[in-house]
All heavy atoms as atom14 arrays in JSON, in Angstrom:
{
  "sequence": "NWYAIGWFRQAPGKEREGVSCISSSGGSTYYADSVKGRFTISE",
  "atom14_mask": [
    [1, 1, 1, 1, 1, 1, 1, 1, 0, 0, 0, 0, 0, 0],
    [1, 1, 1, 1, 1, 1, 1, 1, 1, 1, 1, 1, 1, 1],
    [1, 1, 1, 1, 1, 1, 1, 1, 1, 1, 1, 1, 0, 0],
    [1, 1, 1, 1, 1, 0, 0, 0, 0, 0, 0, 0, 0, 0],
    [1, 1, 1, 1, 1, 1, 1, 1, 0, 0, 0, 0, 0, 0],
    [1, 1, 1, 1, 0, 0, 0, 0, 0, 0, 0, 0, 0, 0],
    [1, 1, 1, 1, 1, 1, 1, 1, 1, 1, 1, 1, 1, 1],
    [1, 1, 1, 1, 1, 1, 1, 1, 1, 1, 1, 0, 0, 0],
    [1, 1, 1, 1, 1, 1, 1, 1, 1, 1, 1, 0, 0, 0],
    [1, 1, 1, 1, 1, 1, 1, 1, 1, 0, 0, 0, 0, 0],
    [1, 1, 1, 1, 1, 0, 0, 0, 0, 0, 0, 0, 0, 0],
    [1, 1, 1, 1, 1, 1, 1, 0, 0, 0, 0, 0, 0, 0],
    [1, 1, 1, 1, 0, 0, 0, 0, 0, 0, 0, 0, 0, 0],
    [1, 1, 1, 1, 1, 1, 1, 1, 1, 0, 0, 0, 0, 0],
    [1, 1, 1, 1, 1, 1, 1, 1, 1, 0, 0, 0, 0, 0],
    [1, 1, 1, 1, 1, 1, 1, 1, 1, 1, 1, 0, 0, 0],
    [1, 1, 1, 1, 1, 1, 1, 1, 1, 0, 0, 0, 0, 0],
    [1, 1, 1, 1, 0, 0, 0, 0, 0, 0, 0, 0, 0, 0],
    [1, 1, 1, 1, 1, 1, 1, 0, 0, 0, 0, 0, 0, 0],
    [1, 1, 1, 1, 1, 1, 0, 0, 0, 0, 0, 0, 0, 0],
    [1, 1, 1, 1, 1, 1, 0, 0, 0, 0, 0, 0, 0, 0],
    [1, 1, 1, 1, 1, 1, 1, 1, 0, 0, 0, 0, 0, 0],
    [1, 1, 1, 1, 1, 1, 0, 0, 0, 0, 0, 0, 0, 0],
    [1, 1, 1, 1, 1, 1, 0, 0, 0, 0, 0, 0, 0, 0],
    [1, 1, 1, 1, 1, 1, 0, 0, 0, 0, 0, 0, 0, 0],
    [1, 1, 1, 1, 0, 0, 0, 0, 0, 0, 0, 0, 0, 0],
    [1, 1, 1, 1, 0, 0, 0, 0, 0, 0, 0, 0, 0, 0],
    [1, 1, 1, 1, 1, 1, 0, 0, 0, 0, 0, 0, 0, 0],
    [1, 1, 1, 1, 1, 1, 1, 0, 0, 0, 0, 0, 0, 0],
    [1, 1, 1, 1, 1, 1, 1, 1, 1, 1, 1, 1, 0, 0],
    [1, 1, 1, 1, 1, 1, 1, 1, 1, 1, 1, 1, 0, 0],
    [1, 1, 1, 1, 1, 0, 0, 0, 0, 0, 0, 0, 0, 0],
    [1, 1, 1, 1, 1, 1, 1, 1, 0, 0, 0, 0, 0, 0],
    [1, 1, 1, 1, 1, 1, 0, 0, 0, 0, 0, 0, 0, 0],
    [1, 1, 1, 1, 1, 1, 1, 0, 0, 0, 0, 0, 0, 0],
    [1, 1, 1, 1, 1, 1, 1, 1, 1, 0, 0, 0, 0, 0],
    [1, 1, 1, 1, 0, 0, 0, 0, 0, 0, 0, 0, 0, 0],
    [1, 1, 1, 1, 1, 1, 1, 1, 1, 1, 1, 0, 0, 0],
    [1, 1, 1, 1, 1, 1, 1, 1, 1, 1, 1, 0, 0, 0],
    [1, 1, 1, 1, 1, 1, 1, 0, 0, 0, 0, 0, 0, 0],
    [1, 1, 1, 1, 1, 1, 1, 1, 0, 0, 0, 0, 0, 0],
    [1, 1, 1, 1, 1, 1, 0, 0, 0, 0, 0, 0, 0, 0],
    [1, 1, 1, 1, 1, 1, 1, 1, 1, 0, 0, 0, 0, 0]
  ],
  "atom14_positions": [
    [[-80.43, -140.6, 95.58], [-79.53, -141.74, 95.4], [-79.45, -142.22, 93.96], [-78.48, -142.88, 93.59], [-79.97, -142.9, 96.29], [-79.74, -142.64, 97.77], [-80.33, -143.3, 98.61], [-78.89, -141.68, 98.09], [0.0, 0.0, 0.0], [0.0, 0.0, 0.0], [0.0, 0.0, 0.0], [0.0, 0.0, 0.0], [0.0, 0.0, 0.0], [0.0, 0.0, 0.0]],
    [[-80.47, -141.91, 93.18], [-80.53, -142.42, 91.81], [-80.16, -141.37, 90.77], [-80.29, -141.62, 89.57], [-81.94, -142.96, 91.51], [-82.44, -143.87, 92.59], [-83.46, -143.62, 93.45], [-81.94, -145.16, 92.92], [-83.64, -144.69, 94.3], [-82.71, -145.65, 94.0], [-80.91, -145.96, 92.41], [-82.48, -146.89, 94.58], [-80.68, -147.2, 92.99], [-81.46, -147.65, 94.05]],
    [[-79.71, -140.23, 91.21], [-79.43, -139.13, 90.3], [-78.04, -138.57, 90.49], [-77.49, -138.56, 91.59], [-80.42, -137.98, 90.52], [-81.87, -138.32, 90.3], [-82.68, -138.68, 91.37], [-82.43, -138.24, 89.03], [-84.02, -138.97, 91.18], [-83.77, -138.54, 88.84], [-84.55, -138.9, 89.91], [-85.88, -139.19, 89.72], [0.0, 0.0, 0.0], [0.0, 0.0, 0.0]],
    [[-77.49, -138.08, 89.38], [-76.37, -137.16, 89.47], [-76.95, -135.75, 89.56], [-78.0, -135.48, 88.97], [-75.46, -137.28, 88.25], [0.0, 0.0, 0.0], [0.0, 0.0, 0.0], [0.0, 0.0, 0.0], [0.0, 0.0, 0.0], [0.0, 0.0, 0.0], [0.0, 0.0, 0.0], [0.0, 0.0, 0.0], [0.0, 0.0, 0.0], [0.0, 0.0, 0.0]],
    [[-76.3, -134.89, 90.3], [-76.82, -133.54, 90.53], [-75.82, -132.51, 90.04], [-74.63, -132.58, 90.39], [-77.14, -133.3, 92.01], [-78.1, -134.36, 92.55], [-77.75, -131.91, 92.2], [-77.4, -135.55, 93.17], [0.0, 0.0, 0.0], [0.0, 0.0, 0.0], [0.0, 0.0, 0.0], [0.0, 0.0, 0.0], [0.0, 0.0, 0.0], [0.0, 0.0, 0.0]],
    [[-76.3, -131.58, 89.25], [-75.44, -130.54, 88.72], [-75.85, -129.15, 89.15], [-77.02, -128.91, 89.46], [0.0, 0.0, 0.0], [0.0, 0.0, 0.0], [0.0, 0.0, 0.0], [0.0, 0.0, 0.0], [0.0, 0.0, 0.0], [0.0, 0.0, 0.0], [0.0, 0.0, 0.0], [0.0, 0.0, 0.0], [0.0, 0.0, 0.0], [0.0, 0.0, 0.0]],
    [[-74.89, -128.27, 89.17], [-75.13, -126.84, 89.36], [-74.78, -126.12, 88.07], [-73.71, -126.37, 87.48], [-74.29, -126.27, 90.51], [-74.79, -126.62, 91.87], [-74.38, -127.63, 92.66], [-75.79, -125.92, 92.62], [-75.05, -127.62, 93.86], [-75.93, -126.59, 93.86], [-76.6, -124.8, 92.36], [-76.83, -126.17, 94.83], [-77.5, -124.38, 93.33], [-77.61, -125.06, 94.55]],
    [[-75.66, -125.24, 87.65], [-75.46, -124.42, 86.47], [-75.63, -122.96, 86.87], [-76.21, -122.64, 87.9], [-76.47, -124.77, 85.38], [-76.35, -126.17, 84.84], [-76.88, -127.24, 85.52], [-75.69, -126.4, 83.64], [-76.78, -128.54, 85.04], [-75.58, -127.68, 83.13], [-76.12, -128.75, 83.83], [0.0, 0.0, 0.0], [0.0, 0.0, 0.0], [0.0, 0.0, 0.0]],
    [[-75.13, -122.08, 86.03], [-75.34, -120.66, 86.29], [-75.51, -119.91, 84.97], [-75.01, -120.33, 83.93], [-74.18, -120.06, 87.1], [-72.85, -119.98, 86.37], [-71.75, -119.5, 87.3], [-70.47, -119.37, 86.63], [-69.34, -119.07, 87.23], [-69.32, -118.86, 88.55], [-68.21, -118.96, 86.54], [0.0, 0.0, 0.0], [0.0, 0.0, 0.0], [0.0, 0.0, 0.0]],
    [[-76.21, -118.8, 85.05], [-76.42, -117.97, 83.88], [-76.31, -116.51, 84.29], [-77.08, -116.03, 85.11], [-77.77, -118.24, 83.23], [-77.97, -117.5, 81.92], [-79.17, -117.99, 81.14], [-80.13, -118.49, 81.72], [-79.12, -117.85, 79.83], [0.0, 0.0, 0.0], [0.0, 0.0, 0.0], [0.0, 0.0, 0.0], [0.0, 0.0, 0.0], [0.0, 0.0, 0.0]],
    [[-75.35, -115.84, 83.7], [-75.16, -114.42, 83.92], [-75.89, -113.64, 82.84], [-76.13, -114.16, 81.74], [-73.67, -114.07, 83.91], [0.0, 0.0, 0.0], [0.0, 0.0, 0.0], [0.0, 0.0, 0.0], [0.0, 0.0, 0.0], [0.0, 0.0, 0.0], [0.0, 0.0, 0.0], [0.0, 0.0, 0.0], [0.0, 0.0, 0.0], [0.0, 0.0, 0.0]],
    [[-76.26, -112.39, 83.11], [-76.95, -111.58, 82.1], [-76.17, -111.52, 80.8], [-74.97, -111.23, 80.8], [-77.05, -110.21, 82.76], [-77.05, -110.51, 84.23], [-76.09, -111.66, 84.37], [0.0, 0.0, 0.0], [0.0, 0.0, 0.0], [0.0, 0.0, 0.0], [0.0, 0.0, 0.0], [0.0, 0.0, 0.0], [0.0, 0.0, 0.0], [0.0, 0.0, 0.0]],
    [[-76.85, -111.79, 79.69], [-76.23, -111.72, 78.38], [-75.31, -112.87, 78.04], [-74.67, -112.84, 76.98], [0.0, 0.0, 0.0], [0.0, 0.0, 0.0], [0.0, 0.0, 0.0], [0.0, 0.0, 0.0], [0.0, 0.0, 0.0], [0.0, 0.0, 0.0], [0.0, 0.0, 0.0], [0.0, 0.0, 0.0], [0.0, 0.0, 0.0], [0.0, 0.0, 0.0]],
    [[-75.24, -113.87, 78.89], [-74.37, -115.01, 78.64], [-75.16, -116.31, 78.6], [-76.28, -116.4, 79.1], [-73.28, -115.1, 79.71], [-72.31, -113.93, 79.73], [-71.21, -114.15, 80.74], [-70.21, -113.01, 80.73], [-69.12, -113.22, 81.71], [0.0, 0.0, 0.0], [0.0, 0.0, 0.0], [0.0, 0.0, 0.0], [0.0, 0.0, 0.0], [0.0, 0.0, 0.0]],
    [[-74.56, -117.32, 78.0], [-75.17, -118.64, 77.95], [-75.09, -119.3, 79.31], [-74.18, -119.05, 80.1], [-74.47, -119.5, 76.9], [-74.53, -118.97, 75.47], [-75.92, -119.06, 74.88], [-76.69, -119.94, 75.31], [-76.23, -118.25, 74.0], [0.0, 0.0, 0.0], [0.0, 0.0, 0.0], [0.0, 0.0, 0.0], [0.0, 0.0, 0.0], [0.0, 0.0, 0.0]],
    [[-76.06, -120.17, 79.57], [-76.0, -120.95, 80.79], [-74.81, -121.91, 80.7], [-74.54, -122.5, 79.65], [-77.29, -121.74, 80.97], [-77.36, -122.55, 82.25], [-78.68, -123.29, 82.35], [-79.78, -122.36, 82.62], [-81.07, -122.71, 82.55], [-81.4, -123.93, 82.19], [-82.0, -121.82, 82.81], [0.0, 0.0, 0.0], [0.0, 0.0, 0.0], [0.0, 0.0, 0.0]],
    [[-74.1, -122.06, 81.79], [-72.93, -122.92, 81.81], [-72.96, -123.86, 83.0], [-73.48, -123.54, 84.06], [-71.64, -122.08, 81.85], [-71.5, -121.22, 83.09], [-70.19, -120.47, 83.16], [-69.24, -120.83, 82.44], [-70.11, -119.48, 83.93], [0.0, 0.0, 0.0], [0.0, 0.0, 0.0], [0.0, 0.0, 0.0], [0.0, 0.0, 0.0], [0.0, 0.0, 0.0]],
    [[-72.38, -125.02, 82.8], [-72.25, -125.97, 83.88], [-71.16, -125.52, 84.84], [-70.09, -125.08, 84.42], [0.0, 0.0, 0.0], [0.0, 0.0, 0.0], [0.0, 0.0, 0.0], [0.0, 0.0, 0.0], [0.0, 0.0, 0.0], [0.0, 0.0, 0.0], [0.0, 0.0, 0.0], [0.0, 0.0, 0.0], [0.0, 0.0, 0.0], [0.0, 0.0, 0.0]],
    [[-71.42, -125.63, 86.12], [-70.48, -125.22, 87.16], [-69.86, -126.42, 87.87], [-68.65, -126.49, 88.06], [-71.16, -124.3, 88.18], [-70.2, -123.95, 89.32], [-71.68, -123.03, 87.51], [0.0, 0.0, 0.0], [0.0, 0.0, 0.0], [0.0, 0.0, 0.0], [0.0, 0.0, 0.0], [0.0, 0.0, 0.0], [0.0, 0.0, 0.0], [0.0, 0.0, 0.0]],
    [[-70.72, -127.35, 88.26], [-70.25, -128.5, 89.03], [-71.25, -129.63, 88.93], [-72.42, -129.41, 88.59], [-70.05, -128.09, 90.5], [-69.49, -129.14, 91.26], [0.0, 0.0, 0.0], [0.0, 0.0, 0.0], [0.0, 0.0, 0.0], [0.0, 0.0, 0.0], [0.0, 0.0, 0.0], [0.0, 0.0, 0.0], [0.0, 0.0, 0.0], [0.0, 0.0, 0.0]],
    [[-70.81, -130.82, 89.24], [-71.69, -131.98, 89.23], [-71.15, -133.03, 90.18], [-69.93, -133.16, 90.32], [-71.81, -132.55, 87.81], [-73.06, -133.85, 87.62], [0.0, 0.0, 0.0], [0.0, 0.0, 0.0], [0.0, 0.0, 0.0], [0.0, 0.0, 0.0], [0.0, 0.0, 0.0], [0.0, 0.0, 0.0], [0.0, 0.0, 0.0], [0.0, 0.0, 0.0]],
    [[-72.04, -133.76, 90.8], [-71.66, -134.85, 91.69], [-72.42, -136.1, 91.28], [-73.61, -136.04, 90.97], [-71.92, -134.48, 93.17], [-71.37, -135.55, 94.11], [-73.4, -134.23, 93.43], [-71.32, -135.11, 95.57], [0.0, 0.0, 0.0], [0.0, 0.0, 0.0], [0.0, 0.0, 0.0], [0.0, 0.0, 0.0], [0.0, 0.0, 0.0], [0.0, 0.0, 0.0]],
    [[-71.73, -137.23, 91.26], [-72.33, -138.47, 90.84], [-73.35, -138.96, 91.86], [-73.4, -138.49, 93.01], [-71.25, -139.54, 90.63], [-70.61, -139.86, 91.84], [0.0, 0.0, 0.0], [0.0, 0.0, 0.0], [0.0, 0.0, 0.0], [0.0, 0.0, 0.0], [0.0, 0.0, 0.0], [0.0, 0.0, 0.0], [0.0, 0.0, 0.0], [0.0, 0.0, 0.0]],
    [[-74.16, -139.93, 91.45], [-75.2, -140.46, 92.33], [-74.61, -141.07, 93.59], [-75.24, -141.04, 94.66], [-76.06, -141.49, 91.59], [-75.27, -142.56, 91.1], [0.0, 0.0, 0.0], [0.0, 0.0, 0.0], [0.0, 0.0, 0.0], [0.0, 0.0, 0.0], [0.0, 0.0, 0.0], [0.0, 0.0, 0.0], [0.0, 0.0, 0.0], [0.0, 0.0, 0.0]],
    [[-73.43, -141.65, 93.48], [-72.76, -142.24, 94.63], [-72.01, -141.22, 95.48], [-71.63, -141.51, 96.61], [-71.78, -143.32, 94.17], [-70.7, -142.75, 93.46], [0.0, 0.0, 0.0], [0.0, 0.0, 0.0], [0.0, 0.0, 0.0], [0.0, 0.0, 0.0], [0.0, 0.0, 0.0], [0.0, 0.0, 0.0], [0.0, 0.0, 0.0], [0.0, 0.0, 0.0]],
    [[-71.82, -140.05, 94.92], [-71.03, -139.03, 95.59], [-69.54, -139.22, 95.45], [-68.75, -138.43, 95.97], [0.0, 0.0, 0.0], [0.0, 0.0, 0.0], [0.0, 0.0, 0.0], [0.0, 0.0, 0.0], [0.0, 0.0, 0.0], [0.0, 0.0, 0.0], [0.0, 0.0, 0.0], [0.0, 0.0, 0.0], [0.0, 0.0, 0.0], [0.0, 0.0, 0.0]],
    [[-69.16, -140.25, 94.71], [-67.75, -140.58, 94.59], [-66.99, -139.81, 93.53], [-65.76, -139.82, 93.54], [0.0, 0.0, 0.0], [0.0, 0.0, 0.0], [0.0, 0.0, 0.0], [0.0, 0.0, 0.0], [0.0, 0.0, 0.0], [0.0, 0.0, 0.0], [0.0, 0.0, 0.0], [0.0, 0.0, 0.0], [0.0, 0.0, 0.0], [0.0, 0.0, 0.0]],
    [[-67.72, -139.18, 92.63], [-67.09, -138.43, 91.55], [-67.66, -137.03, 91.5], [-68.88, -136.86, 91.62], [-67.29, -139.13, 90.21], [-66.69, -140.41, 90.2], [0.0, 0.0, 0.0], [0.0, 0.0, 0.0], [0.0, 0.0, 0.0], [0.0, 0.0, 0.0], [0.0, 0.0, 0.0], [0.0, 0.0, 0.0], [0.0, 0.0, 0.0], [0.0, 0.0, 0.0]],
    [[-66.81, -136.07, 91.31], [-67.24, -134.68, 91.19], [-66.62, -134.02, 89.98], [-65.55, -134.44, 89.5], [-66.9, -133.86, 92.44], [-65.48, -133.92, 92.68], [-67.64, -134.4, 93.66], [0.0, 0.0, 0.0], [0.0, 0.0, 0.0], [0.0, 0.0, 0.0], [0.0, 0.0, 0.0], [0.0, 0.0, 0.0], [0.0, 0.0, 0.0], [0.0, 0.0, 0.0]],
    [[-67.29, -133.0, 89.48], [-66.83, -132.26, 88.32], [-66.91, -130.78, 88.63], [-67.84, -130.31, 89.29], [-67.7, -132.57, 87.09], [-67.6, -131.53, 86.0], [-66.6, -131.61, 85.03], [-68.5, -130.48, 85.94], [-66.49, -130.65, 84.04], [-68.4, -129.52, 84.95], [-67.39, -129.61, 84.0], [-67.29, -128.65, 83.02], [0.0, 0.0, 0.0], [0.0, 0.0, 0.0]],
    [[-65.92, -130.04, 88.15], [-65.91, -128.59, 88.3], [-65.46, -127.94, 87.01], [-64.53, -128.41, 86.36], [-64.96, -128.16, 89.43], [-65.32, -128.7, 90.78], [-64.72, -129.86, 91.26], [-66.26, -128.07, 91.58], [-65.05, -130.37, 92.5], [-66.6, -128.57, 92.82], [-65.99, -129.72, 93.28], [-66.33, -130.21, 94.52], [0.0, 0.0, 0.0], [0.0, 0.0, 0.0]],
    [[-66.13, -126.86, 86.67], [-65.66, -126.05, 85.57], [-64.31, -125.45, 85.94], [-64.03, -125.18, 87.11], [-66.66, -124.94, 85.26], [0.0, 0.0, 0.0], [0.0, 0.0, 0.0], [0.0, 0.0, 0.0], [0.0, 0.0, 0.0], [0.0, 0.0, 0.0], [0.0, 0.0, 0.0], [0.0, 0.0, 0.0], [0.0, 0.0, 0.0], [0.0, 0.0, 0.0]],
    [[-63.46, -125.25, 84.94], [-62.13, -124.71, 85.2], [-62.18, -123.38, 85.94], [-61.31, -123.08, 86.76], [-61.36, -124.54, 83.89], [-60.93, -125.85, 83.27], [-60.9, -126.87, 84.0], [-60.63, -125.86, 82.07], [0.0, 0.0, 0.0], [0.0, 0.0, 0.0], [0.0, 0.0, 0.0], [0.0, 0.0, 0.0], [0.0, 0.0, 0.0], [0.0, 0.0, 0.0]],
    [[-63.21, -122.6, 85.66], [-63.31, -121.28, 86.24], [-63.56, -121.29, 87.75], [-63.35, -120.27, 88.42], [-64.42, -120.48, 85.56], [-65.67, -121.13, 85.69], [0.0, 0.0, 0.0], [0.0, 0.0, 0.0], [0.0, 0.0, 0.0], [0.0, 0.0, 0.0], [0.0, 0.0, 0.0], [0.0, 0.0, 0.0], [0.0, 0.0, 0.0], [0.0, 0.0, 0.0]],
    [[-63.99, -122.43, 88.3], [-64.31, -122.48, 89.72], [-63.48, -123.5, 90.48], [-63.6, -123.59, 91.72], [-65.81, -122.77, 89.96], [-66.67, -121.77, 89.21], [-66.17, -124.19, 89.56], [0.0, 0.0, 0.0], [0.0, 0.0, 0.0], [0.0, 0.0, 0.0], [0.0, 0.0, 0.0], [0.0, 0.0, 0.0], [0.0, 0.0, 0.0], [0.0, 0.0, 0.0]],
    [[-62.63, -124.24, 89.8], [-61.8, -125.24, 90.47], [-60.94, -124.6, 91.55], [-60.33, -123.56, 91.34], [-60.91, -125.96, 89.46], [-61.64, -126.98, 88.61], [-60.68, -127.69, 87.66], [-61.4, -128.73, 86.82], [-60.5, -129.4, 85.86], [0.0, 0.0, 0.0], [0.0, 0.0, 0.0], [0.0, 0.0, 0.0], [0.0, 0.0, 0.0], [0.0, 0.0, 0.0]],
    [[-60.91, -125.24, 92.69], [-60.14, -124.73, 93.81], [-60.89, -123.73, 94.66], [-60.43, -123.38, 95.75], [0.0, 0.0, 0.0], [0.0, 0.0, 0.0], [0.0, 0.0, 0.0], [0.0, 0.0, 0.0], [0.0, 0.0, 0.0], [0.0, 0.0, 0.0], [0.0, 0.0, 0.0], [0.0, 0.0, 0.0], [0.0, 0.0, 0.0], [0.0, 0.0, 0.0]],
    [[-62.02, -123.26, 94.17], [-62.81, -122.28, 94.91], [-64.17, -122.82, 95.35], [-64.67, -122.47, 96.42], [-63.03, -121.01, 94.08], [-61.73, -120.31, 93.68], [-62.01, -118.95, 93.04], [-62.78, -119.08, 91.8], [-63.97, -118.53, 91.59], [-64.54, -117.8, 92.55], [-64.6, -118.69, 90.44], [0.0, 0.0, 0.0], [0.0, 0.0, 0.0], [0.0, 0.0, 0.0]],
    [[-64.78, -123.66, 94.51], [-66.1, -124.21, 94.8], [-65.98, -125.68, 95.17], [-65.12, -126.39, 94.65], [-67.02, -124.09, 93.58], [-67.44, -122.68, 93.22], [-66.85, -121.58, 93.81], [-68.44, -122.49, 92.28], [-67.25, -120.29, 93.47], [-68.85, -121.22, 91.93], [-68.26, -120.12, 92.52], [0.0, 0.0, 0.0], [0.0, 0.0, 0.0], [0.0, 0.0, 0.0]],
    [[-66.87, -126.13, 96.04], [-66.93, -127.53, 96.43], [-68.37, -128.0, 96.44], [-69.21, -127.39, 97.1], [-66.31, -127.76, 97.82], [-64.96, -127.29, 97.84], [-66.33, -129.24, 98.16], [0.0, 0.0, 0.0], [0.0, 0.0, 0.0], [0.0, 0.0, 0.0], [0.0, 0.0, 0.0], [0.0, 0.0, 0.0], [0.0, 0.0, 0.0], [0.0, 0.0, 0.0]],
    [[-68.64, -129.08, 95.72], [-69.98, -129.66, 95.72], [-70.0, -130.84, 96.68], [-69.03, -131.6, 96.79], [-70.4, -130.08, 94.3], [-71.89, -130.46, 94.26], [-69.53, -131.22, 93.77], [-72.43, -130.66, 92.84], [0.0, 0.0, 0.0], [0.0, 0.0, 0.0], [0.0, 0.0, 0.0], [0.0, 0.0, 0.0], [0.0, 0.0, 0.0], [0.0, 0.0, 0.0]],
    [[-71.08, -130.99, 97.4], [-71.22, -132.09, 98.34], [-72.69, -132.48, 98.43], [-73.57, -131.76, 97.96], [-70.67, -131.72, 99.72], [-71.38, -130.64, 100.28], [0.0, 0.0, 0.0], [0.0, 0.0, 0.0], [0.0, 0.0, 0.0], [0.0, 0.0, 0.0], [0.0, 0.0, 0.0], [0.0, 0.0, 0.0], [0.0, 0.0, 0.0], [0.0, 0.0, 0.0]],
    [[-72.93, -133.62, 99.04], [-74.29, -134.15, 99.11], [-74.55, -134.77, 100.46], [-73.7, -135.47, 101.02], [-74.49, -135.18, 98.0], [-75.89, -135.78, 97.93], [-76.05, -136.75, 96.77], [-75.04, -137.07, 96.12], [-77.18, -137.19, 96.51], [0.0, 0.0, 0.0], [0.0, 0.0, 0.0], [0.0, 0.0, 0.0], [0.0, 0.0, 0.0], [0.0, 0.0, 0.0]]
  ]
}
């Protein structure tokens, strides 16, 4: 309840990148452009 939660990923030979994030309230979500429309974060 007191944290925002993010998902990150790292492919071989690449930098770690942010994928998605959800606010502590669950009311706001973020998606990297590469996954928008395909991935859904929930809590």
